[in-house]
N, C-alpha and C. Protein backbone atom coordinates (compact mmCIF):
# COMPACT_ATOMS: atom_id res chain seq x y z
N MET A 1 -36.72 102.50 50.52
CA MET A 1 -37.73 101.38 50.58
C MET A 1 -38.81 101.54 51.81
N THR A 2 -40.27 102.10 50.83
CA THR A 2 -41.13 102.08 52.05
C THR A 2 -41.48 100.81 52.72
N THR A 3 -42.29 101.28 53.91
CA THR A 3 -42.80 99.94 54.80
C THR A 3 -43.51 99.16 54.19
N THR A 4 -44.19 99.52 52.93
CA THR A 4 -45.08 98.55 52.40
C THR A 4 -44.00 97.51 51.57
N GLN A 5 -43.25 98.13 51.02
CA GLN A 5 -42.10 97.44 50.23
C GLN A 5 -41.19 96.41 51.11
N LEU A 6 -40.93 96.87 52.23
CA LEU A 6 -40.29 96.13 53.09
C LEU A 6 -40.81 94.96 53.70
N HIS A 7 -42.04 95.23 53.78
CA HIS A 7 -43.14 94.18 54.44
C HIS A 7 -43.54 93.18 53.36
N LEU A 8 -43.67 93.49 52.08
CA LEU A 8 -43.79 92.69 51.27
C LEU A 8 -42.34 91.56 50.91
N TYR A 9 -41.55 92.43 51.20
CA TYR A 9 -40.03 91.48 50.71
C TYR A 9 -39.97 90.58 52.13
N ARG A 10 -39.97 90.81 53.32
CA ARG A 10 -39.96 90.17 54.39
C ARG A 10 -41.09 88.80 54.15
N ARG A 11 -42.10 89.14 53.65
CA ARG A 11 -43.04 88.07 53.59
C ARG A 11 -42.84 87.37 52.53
N LEU A 12 -42.11 87.43 51.21
CA LEU A 12 -41.78 86.66 50.15
C LEU A 12 -40.44 85.77 50.81
N LEU A 13 -39.64 86.54 51.50
CA LEU A 13 -38.68 85.40 51.94
C LEU A 13 -39.15 84.59 53.02
N ARG A 14 -39.99 84.86 54.15
CA ARG A 14 -40.83 83.91 54.82
C ARG A 14 -41.36 82.60 54.16
N GLU A 15 -42.14 83.14 52.99
CA GLU A 15 -42.81 82.21 52.20
C GLU A 15 -41.69 80.99 51.54
N ILE A 16 -40.59 81.81 50.97
CA ILE A 16 -39.53 81.16 50.21
C ILE A 16 -39.21 79.90 51.08
N ASN A 17 -38.67 80.61 52.41
CA ASN A 17 -38.30 79.23 53.38
C ASN A 17 -39.22 78.05 53.80
N ARG A 18 -40.32 78.72 53.85
CA ARG A 18 -41.48 77.49 54.00
C ARG A 18 -41.61 76.64 52.79
N GLN A 19 -41.39 77.21 51.86
CA GLN A 19 -41.92 76.42 50.36
C GLN A 19 -40.87 75.51 50.29
N PHE A 20 -39.34 75.90 50.47
CA PHE A 20 -38.16 75.12 50.08
C PHE A 20 -37.32 74.45 51.38
N ALA A 21 -37.96 73.57 52.00
CA ALA A 21 -37.42 73.08 53.19
C ALA A 21 -35.83 72.89 53.31
N PRO A 22 -35.03 72.15 52.10
CA PRO A 22 -34.04 72.15 52.20
C PRO A 22 -33.41 73.59 52.23
N ALA A 23 -32.00 73.79 53.07
CA ALA A 23 -31.68 75.24 53.31
C ALA A 23 -30.90 75.62 51.82
N SER A 24 -30.20 74.40 51.20
CA SER A 24 -29.50 75.01 50.05
C SER A 24 -30.74 75.71 49.00
N LYS A 25 -31.83 75.44 48.82
CA LYS A 25 -32.82 75.52 47.87
C LYS A 25 -33.35 76.98 48.29
N ALA A 26 -33.53 77.09 49.39
CA ALA A 26 -33.85 78.27 50.08
C ALA A 26 -32.98 79.44 49.73
N LYS A 27 -31.82 79.16 50.01
CA LYS A 27 -30.80 79.94 49.86
C LYS A 27 -30.60 80.63 48.67
N VAL A 28 -30.87 79.70 47.61
CA VAL A 28 -30.71 80.29 46.13
C VAL A 28 -31.69 81.14 45.70
N TRP A 29 -32.87 80.73 46.06
CA TRP A 29 -34.17 81.89 45.96
C TRP A 29 -34.16 83.20 46.82
N SER A 30 -33.51 82.93 48.08
CA SER A 30 -33.64 84.17 48.81
C SER A 30 -32.46 85.21 47.89
N ALA A 31 -31.48 84.34 47.71
CA ALA A 31 -30.48 85.29 46.94
C ALA A 31 -30.86 85.84 45.76
N GLN A 32 -31.53 85.11 45.16
CA GLN A 32 -32.45 85.91 43.85
C GLN A 32 -33.31 86.77 44.01
N LEU A 33 -34.18 86.72 45.06
CA LEU A 33 -34.97 87.54 45.35
C LEU A 33 -34.20 88.86 46.00
N ARG A 34 -33.20 88.65 46.97
CA ARG A 34 -32.52 90.04 47.26
C ARG A 34 -31.93 90.75 46.14
N GLU A 35 -31.33 89.97 45.05
CA GLU A 35 -30.68 90.53 43.94
C GLU A 35 -31.74 91.63 43.28
N GLN A 36 -32.79 90.76 43.03
CA GLN A 36 -33.73 91.61 42.19
C GLN A 36 -34.32 92.86 42.89
N TRP A 37 -34.57 92.61 44.20
CA TRP A 37 -34.81 93.62 45.05
C TRP A 37 -34.17 95.02 45.28
N LEU A 38 -32.66 94.54 45.09
CA LEU A 38 -31.96 95.75 45.55
C LEU A 38 -31.75 96.17 43.96
N GLU A 39 -31.75 95.50 42.86
CA GLU A 39 -31.77 96.15 41.65
C GLU A 39 -33.04 97.34 41.43
N ALA A 40 -34.24 96.83 41.94
CA ALA A 40 -35.36 97.63 41.67
C ALA A 40 -35.30 98.75 42.88
N SER A 41 -34.90 98.40 43.99
CA SER A 41 -34.47 99.56 44.74
C SER A 41 -33.72 100.69 44.47
N ARG A 42 -32.85 100.66 43.55
CA ARG A 42 -31.93 101.51 43.05
C ARG A 42 -32.66 102.46 42.34
N ASN A 43 -33.83 102.25 41.62
CA ASN A 43 -34.80 103.04 40.69
C ASN A 43 -35.32 104.07 41.71
N PRO A 44 -35.21 105.38 41.38
CA PRO A 44 -35.69 106.34 42.23
C PRO A 44 -37.28 106.25 42.22
N GLU A 45 -37.86 105.89 41.42
CA GLU A 45 -39.31 105.69 41.33
C GLU A 45 -39.79 104.39 41.46
N PRO A 46 -40.31 104.27 42.60
CA PRO A 46 -40.95 102.91 42.58
C PRO A 46 -42.03 102.56 41.51
N ASN A 47 -41.92 101.21 41.08
CA ASN A 47 -42.88 100.85 39.80
C ASN A 47 -44.03 100.19 40.52
N ALA A 48 -45.16 100.70 40.21
CA ALA A 48 -46.35 99.91 40.98
C ALA A 48 -46.68 98.52 40.38
N ASN A 49 -46.25 98.07 39.01
CA ASN A 49 -46.51 97.12 38.39
C ASN A 49 -45.47 96.01 39.04
N ASN A 50 -44.09 96.39 39.35
CA ASN A 50 -43.55 95.42 40.18
C ASN A 50 -43.81 95.15 41.41
N LEU A 51 -44.19 96.12 42.21
CA LEU A 51 -44.94 95.73 43.60
C LEU A 51 -46.28 94.81 43.30
N MET A 52 -46.92 94.99 42.31
CA MET A 52 -48.34 94.43 42.16
C MET A 52 -47.93 92.69 41.63
N ALA A 53 -46.75 92.56 40.56
CA ALA A 53 -46.20 91.46 40.58
C ALA A 53 -45.85 90.49 41.70
N ALA A 54 -45.07 91.49 42.59
CA ALA A 54 -44.43 90.51 43.57
C ALA A 54 -45.75 90.11 44.67
N GLN A 55 -46.59 90.96 44.71
CA GLN A 55 -47.72 90.54 45.42
C GLN A 55 -48.36 89.45 45.06
N ASN A 56 -48.45 89.40 43.56
CA ASN A 56 -49.03 88.36 42.97
C ASN A 56 -48.31 86.76 43.28
N VAL A 57 -46.97 86.78 43.37
CA VAL A 57 -46.21 85.90 43.30
C VAL A 57 -46.32 85.48 44.61
N LEU A 58 -46.36 86.29 46.08
CA LEU A 58 -46.44 85.97 47.12
C LEU A 58 -47.86 85.21 47.40
N THR A 59 -48.80 85.94 46.51
CA THR A 59 -50.03 85.20 46.69
C THR A 59 -50.43 83.89 46.26
N PHE A 60 -49.58 83.54 45.08
CA PHE A 60 -49.59 82.42 44.33
C PHE A 60 -49.02 81.36 45.36
N MET A 61 -47.55 81.77 45.91
CA MET A 61 -46.84 80.79 46.70
C MET A 61 -47.56 80.34 47.81
N SER A 62 -48.17 81.48 48.62
CA SER A 62 -48.75 80.90 49.84
C SER A 62 -50.12 79.84 49.62
N ASN A 63 -50.83 80.43 48.74
CA ASN A 63 -51.94 79.64 48.00
C ASN A 63 -51.27 78.18 47.84
N ASN A 64 -50.57 77.95 46.89
CA ASN A 64 -50.26 76.73 46.59
C ASN A 64 -49.56 75.89 47.55
N ARG A 65 -48.84 76.58 48.78
CA ARG A 65 -48.47 75.75 49.98
C ARG A 65 -49.63 75.17 50.54
N GLN A 66 -50.32 76.19 50.85
CA GLN A 66 -51.77 75.94 51.46
C GLN A 66 -52.43 74.70 51.02
N TYR A 67 -52.62 74.63 49.70
CA TYR A 67 -53.35 73.75 48.71
C TYR A 67 -52.36 72.20 49.06
N LYS A 68 -51.22 72.39 48.99
CA LYS A 68 -50.56 70.90 49.05
C LYS A 68 -50.59 70.50 50.63
N GLU A 69 -50.72 71.59 51.90
CA GLU A 69 -51.07 71.14 52.95
C GLU A 69 -52.34 70.46 53.24
N LEU A 70 -53.32 71.29 52.54
CA LEU A 70 -54.98 70.65 52.62
C LEU A 70 -54.89 68.95 52.10
N LEU A 71 -54.22 69.15 50.78
CA LEU A 71 -54.40 67.87 50.09
C LEU A 71 -53.46 66.67 50.80
N ALA A 72 -52.58 66.92 51.28
CA ALA A 72 -51.96 66.05 52.23
C ALA A 72 -52.86 65.49 53.61
N GLU A 73 -53.34 66.67 54.05
CA GLU A 73 -54.25 66.41 55.20
C GLU A 73 -55.63 65.42 54.85
N PHE A 74 -56.28 65.90 53.97
CA PHE A 74 -57.55 65.20 53.74
C PHE A 74 -57.15 64.09 52.67
N ASN A 75 -56.45 64.06 51.84
CA ASN A 75 -56.35 62.77 51.00
C ASN A 75 -54.82 62.17 51.31
N PRO A 76 -54.94 61.49 52.58
CA PRO A 76 -53.67 61.17 53.02
C PRO A 76 -53.13 59.64 52.04
N LYS A 77 -54.27 58.69 51.93
CA LYS A 77 -54.03 57.58 51.37
C LYS A 77 -53.99 57.53 49.88
N MET A 78 -53.86 58.75 49.00
CA MET A 78 -54.04 59.13 47.59
C MET A 78 -52.57 58.45 47.39
N SER A 79 -52.56 57.65 46.11
CA SER A 79 -51.11 57.17 45.46
C SER A 79 -50.65 58.50 44.88
N GLU A 80 -49.34 58.01 44.38
CA GLU A 80 -48.55 59.19 43.74
C GLU A 80 -49.30 59.33 42.10
N GLY A 81 -49.93 58.29 41.81
CA GLY A 81 -50.26 58.32 40.41
C GLY A 81 -51.78 59.17 40.53
N ASP A 82 -52.56 58.80 41.44
CA ASP A 82 -53.63 59.47 41.67
C ASP A 82 -53.45 61.33 42.01
N ARG A 83 -52.62 61.42 42.61
CA ARG A 83 -52.09 62.53 42.84
C ARG A 83 -51.63 63.33 41.84
N ILE A 84 -50.81 62.89 40.81
CA ILE A 84 -50.55 63.26 39.67
C ILE A 84 -51.84 63.56 38.73
N GLU A 85 -52.45 62.68 38.33
CA GLU A 85 -53.55 62.81 37.80
C GLU A 85 -54.60 64.00 38.11
N LYS A 86 -54.89 64.27 39.42
CA LYS A 86 -55.72 65.20 40.05
C LYS A 86 -55.00 66.46 39.96
N THR A 87 -53.53 66.65 40.17
CA THR A 87 -53.00 67.99 39.67
C THR A 87 -52.91 68.13 38.33
N ALA A 88 -52.86 67.42 37.49
CA ALA A 88 -52.91 67.67 35.71
C ALA A 88 -54.17 68.04 35.57
N ARG A 89 -55.19 67.55 36.20
CA ARG A 89 -56.68 68.03 35.67
C ARG A 89 -56.76 69.27 36.48
N ARG A 90 -56.17 69.69 37.58
CA ARG A 90 -56.49 70.96 38.03
C ARG A 90 -55.95 72.04 36.99
N VAL A 91 -54.91 71.64 36.54
CA VAL A 91 -54.23 72.69 35.57
C VAL A 91 -54.78 72.60 34.22
N GLY A 92 -55.76 71.66 33.75
CA GLY A 92 -56.24 71.66 32.50
C GLY A 92 -55.63 70.44 31.58
N LEU A 93 -54.65 69.61 32.00
CA LEU A 93 -54.00 68.67 31.57
C LEU A 93 -54.63 67.27 31.54
N GLU A 94 -54.15 66.33 30.77
CA GLU A 94 -54.76 64.96 30.79
C GLU A 94 -53.73 64.04 31.15
N ALA A 95 -53.22 63.31 32.22
CA ALA A 95 -52.34 62.42 32.55
C ALA A 95 -52.52 61.21 31.58
N PRO A 96 -51.33 60.66 31.16
CA PRO A 96 -51.75 59.23 30.39
C PRO A 96 -51.82 58.27 31.46
């Protein structure tokens, strides 16, 4: 495993621990990541597509966490219904 791959793996583990506060959920996701990472590392030729996909997942997770933090900080009085509608509109859906 190269240093770039190891760095990406560690960043993914840190982001999983930040995303899933209850330790039980974080352990499940960490175990799944570890299993997939070990399976991919057994392959003698590293697949650039897998590394790109892992980087994309990391980017999505960190940006999603930052969005939630900013939303909570700047819209503290928003009701749960308003929050659901705003999230639905963000992904192109209309909430009833």
